[in-house]
Full PDB file with SEQRES, HELIX, SHEET, SSBOND, CRYST1, ORIGX, SCALE, CONECT and MASTER records, all heavy atoms in Angstrom:
SEQRES   1 A   43  ALA SER ILE THR THR PRO ASP ASP ASN THR ILE SER PHE          
SEQRES   2 A   43  LYS LEU GLN THR SER THR PRO ASP PHE ASP PHE LEU MET          
SEQRES   3 A   43  SER LEU PRO ALA SER ALA PRO VAL PRO LEU THR GLU ASN          
SEQRES   4 A   43  GLY ALA ASN ALA                                              
HELIX    1 AA1 PHE A   22  LEU A   25  1                                   4    
HELIX    2 AA2 PRO A   29  SER A   31  5                                   3    
SHEET    1 AA1 2 ILE A   3  ASP A   7  0                                        
SHEET    2 AA1 2 THR A  10  PHE A  13 -1                                        
CRYST1    1.000    1.000    1.000  90.00  90.00  90.00 P 1           1          
ORIGX1      1.000000  0.000000  0.000000        0.00000                         
ORIGX2      0.000000  1.000000  0.000000        0.00000                         
ORIGX3      0.000000  0.000000  1.000000        0.00000                         
SCALE1      1.000000  0.000000  0.000000        0.00000                         
SCALE2      0.000000  1.000000  0.000000        0.00000                         
SCALE3      0.000000  0.000000  1.000000        0.00000                         
ATOM      1  N   ALA A   1     149.025   8.739  62.458  1.00  0.00           N  
ATOM      2  CA  ALA A   1     148.252   9.779  63.138  1.00  0.00           C  
ATOM      3  C   ALA A   1     146.772   9.452  63.251  1.00  0.00           C  
ATOM      4  O   ALA A   1     146.061  10.059  64.062  1.00  0.00           O  
ATOM      5  CB  ALA A   1     148.435  11.107  62.413  1.00  0.00           C  
ATOM      6  N   SER A   2     146.290   8.494  62.472  1.00  0.00           N  
ATOM      7  CA  SER A   2     144.867   8.152  62.527  1.00  0.00           C  
ATOM      8  C   SER A   2     144.492   7.424  63.808  1.00  0.00           C  
ATOM      9  O   SER A   2     143.304   7.287  64.124  1.00  0.00           O  
ATOM     10  CB  SER A   2     144.498   7.284  61.321  1.00  0.00           C  
ATOM     11  OG  SER A   2     145.268   6.089  61.319  1.00  0.00           O  
ATOM     12  N   ILE A   3     145.510   6.939  64.559  1.00  0.00           N  
ATOM     13  CA  ILE A   3     145.256   6.271  65.832  1.00  0.00           C  
ATOM     14  C   ILE A   3     145.872   7.109  66.940  1.00  0.00           C  
ATOM     15  O   ILE A   3     147.066   7.428  66.902  1.00  0.00           O  
ATOM     16  CB  ILE A   3     145.861   4.857  65.871  1.00  0.00           C  
ATOM     17  CG1 ILE A   3     145.393   4.017  64.676  1.00  0.00           C  
ATOM     18  CG2 ILE A   3     145.488   4.155  67.175  1.00  0.00           C  
ATOM     19  CD1 ILE A   3     146.013   2.630  64.622  1.00  0.00           C  
ATOM     20  N   THR A   4     145.068   7.474  67.914  1.00  0.00           N  
ATOM     21  CA  THR A   4     145.574   8.269  69.037  1.00  0.00           C  
ATOM     22  C   THR A   4     145.326   7.529  70.348  1.00  0.00           C  
ATOM     23  O   THR A   4     144.347   6.794  70.501  1.00  0.00           O  
ATOM     24  CB  THR A   4     144.906   9.654  69.089  1.00  0.00           C  
ATOM     25  OG1 THR A   4     143.480   9.500  69.150  1.00  0.00           O  
ATOM     26  CG2 THR A   4     145.279  10.474  67.867  1.00  0.00           C  
ATOM     27  N   THR A   5     146.232   7.752  71.301  1.00  0.00           N  
ATOM     28  CA  THR A   5     146.140   7.100  72.615  1.00  0.00           C  
ATOM     29  C   THR A   5     146.346   8.168  73.694  1.00  0.00           C  
ATOM     30  O   THR A   5     147.445   8.327  74.220  1.00  0.00           O  
ATOM     31  CB  THR A   5     147.202   5.990  72.741  1.00  0.00           C  
ATOM     32  OG1 THR A   5     148.496   6.542  72.475  1.00  0.00           O  
ATOM     33  CG2 THR A   5     146.935   4.870  71.757  1.00  0.00           C  
ATOM     34  N   PRO A   6     145.293   8.902  74.022  1.00  0.00           N  
ATOM     35  CA  PRO A   6     145.427   9.999  74.998  1.00  0.00           C  
ATOM     36  C   PRO A   6     145.859   9.538  76.387  1.00  0.00           C  
ATOM     37  O   PRO A   6     146.424  10.318  77.150  1.00  0.00           O  
ATOM     38  CB  PRO A   6     144.037  10.619  75.021  1.00  0.00           C  
ATOM     39  CG  PRO A   6     143.123   9.572  74.485  1.00  0.00           C  
ATOM     40  CD  PRO A   6     143.931   8.806  73.496  1.00  0.00           C  
ATOM     41  N   ASP A   7     145.588   8.272  76.708  1.00  0.00           N  
ATOM     42  CA  ASP A   7     146.087   7.694  77.967  1.00  0.00           C  
ATOM     43  C   ASP A   7     146.240   6.201  77.757  1.00  0.00           C  
ATOM     44  O   ASP A   7     145.894   5.660  76.697  1.00  0.00           O  
ATOM     45  CB  ASP A   7     145.160   8.013  79.140  1.00  0.00           C  
ATOM     46  CG  ASP A   7     143.733   7.526  78.934  1.00  0.00           C  
ATOM     47  OD1 ASP A   7     143.554   6.301  78.743  1.00  0.00           O  
ATOM     48  OD2 ASP A   7     142.800   8.358  78.944  1.00  0.00           O  
ATOM     49  N   ASP A   8     146.741   5.499  78.753  1.00  0.00           N  
ATOM     50  CA  ASP A   8     147.050   4.077  78.595  1.00  0.00           C  
ATOM     51  C   ASP A   8     145.828   3.194  78.442  1.00  0.00           C  
ATOM     52  O   ASP A   8     145.958   2.020  78.072  1.00  0.00           O  
ATOM     53  CB  ASP A   8     147.880   3.586  79.793  1.00  0.00           C  
ATOM     54  CG  ASP A   8     149.338   3.997  79.695  1.00  0.00           C  
ATOM     55  OD1 ASP A   8     149.746   4.460  78.608  1.00  0.00           O  
ATOM     56  OD2 ASP A   8     150.066   3.849  80.701  1.00  0.00           O  
ATOM     57  N   ASN A   9     144.644   3.752  78.719  1.00  0.00           N  
ATOM     58  CA  ASN A   9     143.425   2.939  78.652  1.00  0.00           C  
ATOM     59  C   ASN A   9     142.448   3.394  77.573  1.00  0.00           C  
ATOM     60  O   ASN A   9     141.325   2.884  77.511  1.00  0.00           O  
ATOM     61  CB  ASN A   9     142.710   2.951  80.013  1.00  0.00           C  
ATOM     62  CG  ASN A   9     143.517   2.240  81.082  1.00  0.00           C  
ATOM     63  OD1 ASN A   9     144.039   1.154  80.847  1.00  0.00           O  
ATOM     64  ND2 ASN A   9     143.644   2.854  82.248  1.00  0.00           N  
ATOM     65  N   THR A  10     142.876   4.327  76.719  1.00  0.00           N  
ATOM     66  CA  THR A  10     141.983   4.851  75.686  1.00  0.00           C  
ATOM     67  C   THR A  10     142.678   4.806  74.329  1.00  0.00           C  
ATOM     68  O   THR A  10     143.843   5.174  74.202  1.00  0.00           O  
ATOM     69  CB  THR A  10     141.577   6.308  75.989  1.00  0.00           C  
ATOM     70  OG1 THR A  10     141.007   6.377  77.302  1.00  0.00           O  
ATOM     71  CG2 THR A  10     140.565   6.811  74.977  1.00  0.00           C  
ATOM     72  N   ILE A  11     141.948   4.341  73.311  1.00  0.00           N  
ATOM     73  CA  ILE A  11     142.464   4.345  71.951  1.00  0.00           C  
ATOM     74  C   ILE A  11     141.348   4.794  71.018  1.00  0.00           C  
ATOM     75  O   ILE A  11     140.198   4.357  71.138  1.00  0.00           O  
ATOM     76  CB  ILE A  11     143.006   2.962  71.539  1.00  0.00           C  
ATOM     77  CG1 ILE A  11     143.664   3.026  70.148  1.00  0.00           C  
ATOM     78  CG2 ILE A  11     141.940   1.877  71.596  1.00  0.00           C  
ATOM     79  CD1 ILE A  11     144.513   1.809  69.824  1.00  0.00           C  
ATOM     80  N   SER A  12     141.691   5.734  70.109  1.00  0.00           N  
ATOM     81  CA  SER A  12     140.717   6.289  69.171  1.00  0.00           C  
ATOM     82  C   SER A  12     141.229   6.149  67.742  1.00  0.00           C  
ATOM     83  O   SER A  12     142.440   6.239  67.487  1.00  0.00           O  
ATOM     84  CB  SER A  12     140.435   7.758  69.479  1.00  0.00           C  
ATOM     85  OG  SER A  12     139.832   7.904  70.752  1.00  0.00           O  
ATOM     86  N   PHE A  13     140.300   5.956  66.819  1.00  0.00           N  
ATOM     87  CA  PHE A  13     140.630   5.755  65.409  1.00  0.00           C  
ATOM     88  C   PHE A  13     139.861   6.759  64.562  1.00  0.00           C  
ATOM     89  O   PHE A  13     138.655   6.944  64.764  1.00  0.00           O  
ATOM     90  CB  PHE A  13     140.253   4.343  64.961  1.00  0.00           C  
ATOM     91  CG  PHE A  13     140.917   3.236  65.734  1.00  0.00           C  
ATOM     92  CD1 PHE A  13     140.389   2.797  66.945  1.00  0.00           C  
ATOM     93  CD2 PHE A  13     142.062   2.612  65.237  1.00  0.00           C  
ATOM     94  CE1 PHE A  13     140.983   1.768  67.657  1.00  0.00           C  
ATOM     95  CE2 PHE A  13     142.665   1.578  65.945  1.00  0.00           C  
ATOM     96  CZ  PHE A  13     142.129   1.157  67.151  1.00  0.00           C  
ATOM     97  N   LYS A  14     140.535   7.391  63.604  1.00  0.00           N  
ATOM     98  CA  LYS A  14     139.892   8.227  62.593  1.00  0.00           C  
ATOM     99  C   LYS A  14     140.125   7.562  61.239  1.00  0.00           C  
ATOM    100  O   LYS A  14     141.263   7.432  60.789  1.00  0.00           O  
ATOM    101  CB  LYS A  14     140.453   9.649  62.608  1.00  0.00           C  
ATOM    102  CG  LYS A  14     140.054  10.439  63.844  1.00  0.00           C  
ATOM    103  CD  LYS A  14     140.472  11.907  63.734  1.00  0.00           C  
ATOM    104  CE  LYS A  14     139.985  12.696  64.944  1.00  0.00           C  
ATOM    105  NZ  LYS A  14     140.340  14.146  64.848  1.00  0.00           N  
ATOM    106  N   LEU A  15     139.035   7.141  60.616  1.00  0.00           N  
ATOM    107  CA  LEU A  15     139.113   6.307  59.427  1.00  0.00           C  
ATOM    108  C   LEU A  15     138.987   7.126  58.146  1.00  0.00           C  
ATOM    109  O   LEU A  15     138.353   8.185  58.133  1.00  0.00           O  
ATOM    110  CB  LEU A  15     138.017   5.236  59.476  1.00  0.00           C  
ATOM    111  CG  LEU A  15     137.902   4.453  60.799  1.00  0.00           C  
ATOM    112  CD1 LEU A  15     136.785   3.425  60.694  1.00  0.00           C  
ATOM    113  CD2 LEU A  15     139.218   3.791  61.167  1.00  0.00           C  
ATOM    114  N   GLN A  16     139.548   6.598  57.075  1.00  0.00           N  
ATOM    115  CA  GLN A  16     139.465   7.265  55.783  1.00  0.00           C  
ATOM    116  C   GLN A  16     138.077   7.144  55.159  1.00  0.00           C  
ATOM    117  O   GLN A  16     137.664   7.992  54.374  1.00  0.00           O  
ATOM    118  CB  GLN A  16     140.502   6.670  54.820  1.00  0.00           C  
ATOM    119  CG  GLN A  16     141.947   6.868  55.244  1.00  0.00           C  
ATOM    120  CD  GLN A  16     142.365   8.321  55.193  1.00  0.00           C  
ATOM    121  OE1 GLN A  16     142.063   9.046  54.241  1.00  0.00           O  
ATOM    122  NE2 GLN A  16     143.069   8.769  56.231  1.00  0.00           N  
ATOM    123  N   THR A  17     137.371   6.073  55.512  1.00  0.00           N  
ATOM    124  CA  THR A  17     136.034   5.854  54.964  1.00  0.00           C  
ATOM    125  C   THR A  17     135.109   5.345  56.065  1.00  0.00           C  
ATOM    126  O   THR A  17     135.552   4.812  57.078  1.00  0.00           O  
ATOM    127  CB  THR A  17     136.053   4.819  53.816  1.00  0.00           C  
ATOM    128  OG1 THR A  17     136.609   3.590  54.302  1.00  0.00           O  
ATOM    129  CG2 THR A  17     136.871   5.318  52.650  1.00  0.00           C  
ATOM    130  N   SER A  18     133.823   5.474  55.836  1.00  0.00           N  
ATOM    131  CA  SER A  18     132.825   4.962  56.767  1.00  0.00           C  
ATOM    132  C   SER A  18     132.953   3.442  56.875  1.00  0.00           C  
ATOM    133  O   SER A  18     133.004   2.741  55.856  1.00  0.00           O  
ATOM    134  CB  SER A  18     131.419   5.322  56.269  1.00  0.00           C  
ATOM    135  OG  SER A  18     130.428   4.743  57.079  1.00  0.00           O  
ATOM    136  N   THR A  19     133.009   2.943  58.116  1.00  0.00           N  
ATOM    137  CA  THR A  19     133.212   1.506  58.321  1.00  0.00           C  
ATOM    138  C   THR A  19     132.320   1.017  59.463  1.00  0.00           C  
ATOM    139  O   THR A  19     132.743   0.933  60.621  1.00  0.00           O  
ATOM    140  CB  THR A  19     134.689   1.197  58.631  1.00  0.00           C  
ATOM    141  OG1 THR A  19     135.520   1.788  57.629  1.00  0.00           O  
ATOM    142  CG2 THR A  19     134.942  -0.301  58.669  1.00  0.00           C  
ATOM    143  N   PRO A  20     131.077   0.672  59.149  1.00  0.00           N  
ATOM    144  CA  PRO A  20     130.174   0.184  60.197  1.00  0.00           C  
ATOM    145  C   PRO A  20     130.651  -1.120  60.837  1.00  0.00           C  
ATOM    146  O   PRO A  20     130.248  -1.439  61.955  1.00  0.00           O  
ATOM    147  CB  PRO A  20     128.854  -0.035  59.443  1.00  0.00           C  
ATOM    148  CG  PRO A  20     128.933   0.869  58.251  1.00  0.00           C  
ATOM    149  CD  PRO A  20     130.376   0.854  57.863  1.00  0.00           C  
ATOM    150  N   ASP A  21     131.504  -1.872  60.139  1.00  0.00           N  
ATOM    151  CA  ASP A  21     131.960  -3.173  60.641  1.00  0.00           C  
ATOM    152  C   ASP A  21     133.250  -3.084  61.454  1.00  0.00           C  
ATOM    153  O   ASP A  21     133.911  -4.102  61.670  1.00  0.00           O  
ATOM    154  CB  ASP A  21     132.201  -4.129  59.468  1.00  0.00           C  
ATOM    155  CG  ASP A  21     130.951  -4.422  58.672  1.00  0.00           C  
ATOM    156  OD1 ASP A  21     129.857  -4.373  59.263  1.00  0.00           O  
ATOM    157  OD2 ASP A  21     131.064  -4.691  57.465  1.00  0.00           O  
ATOM    158  N   PHE A  22     133.613  -1.921  61.933  1.00  0.00           N  
ATOM    159  CA  PHE A  22     134.923  -1.742  62.553  1.00  0.00           C  
ATOM    160  C   PHE A  22     135.107  -2.611  63.806  1.00  0.00           C  
ATOM    161  O   PHE A  22     136.220  -3.074  64.080  1.00  0.00           O  
ATOM    162  CB  PHE A  22     135.166  -0.269  62.891  1.00  0.00           C  
ATOM    163  CG  PHE A  22     136.604   0.041  63.210  1.00  0.00           C  
ATOM    164  CD1 PHE A  22     137.562   0.015  62.216  1.00  0.00           C  
ATOM    165  CD2 PHE A  22     136.986   0.357  64.511  1.00  0.00           C  
ATOM    166  CE1 PHE A  22     138.897   0.301  62.503  1.00  0.00           C  
ATOM    167  CE2 PHE A  22     138.311   0.639  64.808  1.00  0.00           C  
ATOM    168  CZ  PHE A  22     139.272   0.611  63.802  1.00  0.00           C  
ATOM    169  N   ASP A  23     134.052  -2.851  64.565  1.00  0.00           N  
ATOM    170  CA  ASP A  23     134.170  -3.737  65.728  1.00  0.00           C  
ATOM    171  C   ASP A  23     134.674  -5.116  65.304  1.00  0.00           C  
ATOM    172  O   ASP A  23     135.477  -5.740  66.009  1.00  0.00           O  
ATOM    173  CB  ASP A  23     132.826  -3.886  66.444  1.00  0.00           C  
ATOM    174  CG  ASP A  23     132.603  -2.830  67.528  1.00  0.00           C  
ATOM    175  OD1 ASP A  23     133.594  -2.374  68.120  1.00  0.00           O  
ATOM    176  OD2 ASP A  23     131.442  -2.472  67.760  1.00  0.00           O  
ATOM    177  N   PHE A  24     134.191  -5.592  64.177  1.00  0.00           N  
ATOM    178  CA  PHE A  24     134.638  -6.890  63.688  1.00  0.00           C  
ATOM    179  C   PHE A  24     136.124  -6.858  63.330  1.00  0.00           C  
ATOM    180  O   PHE A  24     136.858  -7.816  63.581  1.00  0.00           O  
ATOM    181  CB  PHE A  24     133.819  -7.325  62.477  1.00  0.00           C  
ATOM    182  CG  PHE A  24     132.419  -7.734  62.808  1.00  0.00           C  
ATOM    183  CD1 PHE A  24     131.339  -6.942  62.434  1.00  0.00           C  
ATOM    184  CD2 PHE A  24     132.166  -8.908  63.497  1.00  0.00           C  
ATOM    185  CE1 PHE A  24     130.047  -7.317  62.739  1.00  0.00           C  
ATOM    186  CE2 PHE A  24     130.876  -9.288  63.809  1.00  0.00           C  
ATOM    187  CZ  PHE A  24     129.808  -8.494  63.426  1.00  0.00           C  
ATOM    188  N   LEU A  25     136.559  -5.758  62.731  1.00  0.00           N  
ATOM    189  CA  LEU A  25     137.973  -5.625  62.392  1.00  0.00           C  
ATOM    190  C   LEU A  25     138.839  -5.688  63.637  1.00  0.00           C  
ATOM    191  O   LEU A  25     139.933  -6.263  63.637  1.00  0.00           O  
ATOM    192  CB  LEU A  25     138.205  -4.307  61.649  1.00  0.00           C  
ATOM    193  CG  LEU A  25     139.608  -4.071  61.075  1.00  0.00           C  
ATOM    194  CD1 LEU A  25     139.970  -5.143  60.059  1.00  0.00           C  
ATOM    195  CD2 LEU A  25     139.693  -2.693  60.435  1.00  0.00           C  
ATOM    196  N   MET A  26     138.339  -5.132  64.728  1.00  0.00           N  
ATOM    197  CA  MET A  26     139.100  -5.148  65.973  1.00  0.00           C  
ATOM    198  C   MET A  26     139.097  -6.522  66.652  1.00  0.00           C  
ATOM    199  O   MET A  26     139.780  -6.715  67.652  1.00  0.00           O  
ATOM    200  CB  MET A  26     138.543  -4.094  66.941  1.00  0.00           C  
ATOM    201  CG  MET A  26     138.789  -2.658  66.483  1.00  0.00           C  
ATOM    202  SD  MET A  26     140.569  -2.226  66.353  1.00  0.00           S  
ATOM    203  CE  MET A  26     140.841  -2.437  64.564  1.00  0.00           C  
ATOM    204  N   SER A  27     138.368  -7.476  66.105  1.00  0.00           N  
ATOM    205  CA  SER A  27     138.392  -8.840  66.638  1.00  0.00           C  
ATOM    206  C   SER A  27     139.458  -9.698  65.956  1.00  0.00           C  
ATOM    207  O   SER A  27     139.768 -10.798  66.435  1.00  0.00           O  
ATOM    208  CB  SER A  27     137.026  -9.508  66.461  1.00  0.00           C  
ATOM    209  OG  SER A  27     136.791  -9.859  65.105  1.00  0.00           O  
ATOM    210  N   LEU A  28     140.018  -9.233  64.839  1.00  0.00           N  
ATOM    211  CA  LEU A  28     141.016 -10.021  64.118  1.00  0.00           C  
ATOM    212  C   LEU A  28     142.329 -10.060  64.902  1.00  0.00           C  
ATOM    213  O   LEU A  28     142.706  -9.085  65.553  1.00  0.00           O  
ATOM    214  CB  LEU A  28     141.268  -9.443  62.725  1.00  0.00           C  
ATOM    215  CG  LEU A  28     140.066  -9.279  61.795  1.00  0.00           C  
ATOM    216  CD1 LEU A  28     140.549  -8.883  60.398  1.00  0.00           C  
ATOM    217  CD2 LEU A  28     139.224 -10.533  61.736  1.00  0.00           C  
ATOM    218  N   PRO A  29     143.074 -11.161  64.831  1.00  0.00           N  
ATOM    219  CA  PRO A  29     144.366 -11.219  65.516  1.00  0.00           C  
ATOM    220  C   PRO A  29     145.309 -10.080  65.145  1.00  0.00           C  
ATOM    221  O   PRO A  29     146.099  -9.633  65.984  1.00  0.00           O  
ATOM    222  CB  PRO A  29     144.934 -12.574  65.078  1.00  0.00           C  
ATOM    223  CG  PRO A  29     143.731 -13.404  64.807  1.00  0.00           C  
ATOM    224  CD  PRO A  29     142.725 -12.454  64.210  1.00  0.00           C  
ATOM    225  N   ALA A  30     145.225  -9.597  63.912  1.00  0.00           N  
ATOM    226  CA  ALA A  30     146.100  -8.508  63.478  1.00  0.00           C  
ATOM    227  C   ALA A  30     145.854  -7.224  64.250  1.00  0.00           C  
ATOM    228  O   ALA A  30     146.684  -6.303  64.215  1.00  0.00           O  
ATOM    229  CB  ALA A  30     145.936  -8.254  61.975  1.00  0.00           C  
ATOM    230  N   SER A  31     144.731  -7.131  64.959  1.00  0.00           N  
ATOM    231  CA  SER A  31     144.432  -5.956  65.780  1.00  0.00           C  
ATOM    232  C   SER A  31     144.910  -6.121  67.217  1.00  0.00           C  
ATOM    233  O   SER A  31     144.610  -5.290  68.075  1.00  0.00           O  
ATOM    234  CB  SER A  31     142.923  -5.683  65.775  1.00  0.00           C  
ATOM    235  OG  SER A  31     142.453  -5.380  64.478  1.00  0.00           O  
ATOM    236  N   ALA A  32     145.638  -7.193  67.490  1.00  0.00           N  
ATOM    237  CA  ALA A  32     146.077  -7.470  68.858  1.00  0.00           C  
ATOM    238  C   ALA A  32     147.247  -6.581  69.266  1.00  0.00           C  
ATOM    239  O   ALA A  32     148.046  -6.160  68.431  1.00  0.00           O  
ATOM    240  CB  ALA A  32     146.494  -8.934  68.981  1.00  0.00           C  
ATOM    241  N   PRO A  33     147.387  -6.294  70.561  1.00  0.00           N  
ATOM    242  CA  PRO A  33     148.530  -5.512  71.039  1.00  0.00           C  
ATOM    243  C   PRO A  33     149.829  -6.306  70.949  1.00  0.00           C  
ATOM    244  O   PRO A  33     149.831  -7.537  71.016  1.00  0.00           O  
ATOM    245  CB  PRO A  33     148.167  -5.218  72.499  1.00  0.00           C  
ATOM    246  CG  PRO A  33     147.269  -6.340  72.899  1.00  0.00           C  
ATOM    247  CD  PRO A  33     146.483  -6.676  71.670  1.00  0.00           C  
ATOM    248  N   VAL A  34     150.918  -5.572  70.794  1.00  0.00           N  
ATOM    249  CA  VAL A  34     152.274  -6.129  70.836  1.00  0.00           C  
ATOM    250  C   VAL A  34     153.120  -5.150  71.644  1.00  0.00           C  
ATOM    251  O   VAL A  34     153.042  -3.936  71.420  1.00  0.00           O  
ATOM    252  CB  VAL A  34     152.864  -6.308  69.419  1.00  0.00           C  
ATOM    253  CG1 VAL A  34     154.330  -6.723  69.493  1.00  0.00           C  
ATOM    254  CG2 VAL A  34     152.058  -7.343  68.632  1.00  0.00           C  
ATOM    255  N   PRO A  35     153.923  -5.628  72.597  1.00  0.00           N  
ATOM    256  CA  PRO A  35     154.780  -4.709  73.353  1.00  0.00           C  
ATOM    257  C   PRO A  35     155.684  -3.898  72.429  1.00  0.00           C  
ATOM    258  O   PRO A  35     156.156  -4.410  71.403  1.00  0.00           O  
ATOM    259  CB  PRO A  35     155.607  -5.645  74.240  1.00  0.00           C  
ATOM    260  CG  PRO A  35     154.761  -6.863  74.382  1.00  0.00           C  
ATOM    261  CD  PRO A  35     154.062  -7.019  73.057  1.00  0.00           C  
ATOM    262  N   LEU A  36     155.930  -2.645  72.773  1.00  0.00           N  
ATOM    263  CA  LEU A  36     156.728  -1.783  71.908  1.00  0.00           C  
ATOM    264  C   LEU A  36     158.137  -2.315  71.696  1.00  0.00           C  
ATOM    265  O   LEU A  36     158.757  -2.046  70.669  1.00  0.00           O  
ATOM    266  CB  LEU A  36     156.777  -0.357  72.470  1.00  0.00           C  
ATOM    267  CG  LEU A  36     155.605   0.562  72.094  1.00  0.00           C  
ATOM    268  CD1 LEU A  36     154.266   0.015  72.579  1.00  0.00           C  
ATOM    269  CD2 LEU A  36     155.814   1.966  72.640  1.00  0.00           C  
ATOM    270  N   THR A  37     158.636  -3.074  72.663  1.00  0.00           N  
ATOM    271  CA  THR A  37     159.955  -3.697  72.515  1.00  0.00           C  
ATOM    272  C   THR A  37     159.830  -5.110  71.952  1.00  0.00           C  
ATOM    273  O   THR A  37     160.844  -5.821  71.846  1.00  0.00           O  
ATOM    274  CB  THR A  37     160.678  -3.753  73.870  1.00  0.00           C  
ATOM    275  OG1 THR A  37     159.854  -4.449  74.816  1.00  0.00           O  
ATOM    276  CG2 THR A  37     160.966  -2.350  74.381  1.00  0.00           C  
ATOM    277  N   GLU A  38     158.606  -5.521  71.619  1.00  0.00           N  
ATOM    278  CA  GLU A  38     158.292  -6.868  71.129  1.00  0.00           C  
ATOM    279  C   GLU A  38     158.822  -7.899  72.122  1.00  0.00           C  
ATOM    280  O   GLU A  38     158.485  -7.843  73.298  1.00  0.00           O  
ATOM    281  CB  GLU A  38     158.801  -7.030  69.698  1.00  0.00           C  
ATOM    282  CG  GLU A  38     158.151  -5.988  68.788  1.00  0.00           C  
ATOM    283  CD  GLU A  38     158.345  -6.196  67.313  1.00  0.00           C  
ATOM    284  OE1 GLU A  38     158.586  -7.331  66.879  1.00  0.00           O  
ATOM    285  OE2 GLU A  38     158.243  -5.192  66.570  1.00  0.00           O  
ATOM    286  N   ASN A  39     159.682  -8.804  71.705  1.00  0.00           N  
ATOM    287  CA  ASN A  39     160.187  -9.808  72.646  1.00  0.00           C  
ATOM    288  C   ASN A  39     161.693  -9.933  72.517  1.00  0.00           C  
ATOM    289  O   ASN A  39     162.239 -11.004  72.220  1.00  0.00           O  
ATOM    290  CB  ASN A  39     159.508 -11.166  72.413  1.00  0.00           C  
ATOM    291  CG  ASN A  39     159.778 -12.158  73.533  1.00  0.00           C  
ATOM    292  OD1 ASN A  39     160.345 -11.797  74.565  1.00  0.00           O  
ATOM    293  ND2 ASN A  39     159.382 -13.398  73.335  1.00  0.00           N  
ATOM    294  N   GLY A  40     162.372  -8.822  72.713  1.00  0.00           N  
ATOM    295  CA  GLY A  40     163.838  -8.820  72.675  1.00  0.00           C  
ATOM    296  C   GLY A  40     164.364  -9.241  71.321  1.00  0.00           C  
ATOM    297  O   GLY A  40     164.044  -8.641  70.299  1.00  0.00           O  
ATOM    298  N   ALA A  41     165.165 -10.305  71.305  1.00  0.00           N  
ATOM    299  CA  ALA A  41     165.743 -10.794  70.054  1.00  0.00           C  
ATOM    300  C   ALA A  41     164.674 -11.343  69.119  1.00  0.00           C  
ATOM    301  O   ALA A  41     164.852 -11.366  67.899  1.00  0.00           O  
ATOM    302  CB  ALA A  41     166.781 -11.875  70.351  1.00  0.00           C  
ATOM    303  N   ASN A  42     163.550 -11.779  69.683  1.00  0.00           N  
ATOM    304  CA  ASN A  42     162.444 -12.276  68.868  1.00  0.00           C  
ATOM    305  C   ASN A  42     161.528 -11.114  68.498  1.00  0.00           C  
ATOM    306  O   ASN A  42     160.411 -10.975  69.007  1.00  0.00           O  
ATOM    307  CB  ASN A  42     161.666 -13.353  69.625  1.00  0.00           C  
ATOM    308  CG  ASN A  42     162.464 -14.620  69.796  1.00  0.00           C  
ATOM    309  OD1 ASN A  42     163.176 -15.037  68.887  1.00  0.00           O  
ATOM    310  ND2 ASN A  42     162.373 -15.233  70.962  1.00  0.00           N  
ATOM    311  N   ALA A  43     162.029 -10.278  67.613  1.00  0.00           N  
ATOM    312  CA  ALA A  43     161.285  -9.091  67.172  1.00  0.00           C  
ATOM    313  C   ALA A  43     161.138  -9.136  65.652  1.00  0.00           C  
ATOM    314  O   ALA A  43     161.788  -9.922  64.964  1.00  0.00           O  
ATOM    315  CB  ALA A  43     162.003  -7.821  67.603  1.00  0.00           C  
TER     316      ALA A  43                                                      
MASTER        0    0    0    2    2    0    0    6  315    1    0    4          
END                                                                             
């Protein structure tokens, strides 16, 4: 619930603690998108 997507082009985050470095966190590969179905058998 801390991440909301009101439309396909907007994403919002509500954090448990103050995080001035959050832009940097969003640069990590772990923050990358993945299709909801992933890649079929390769999921």
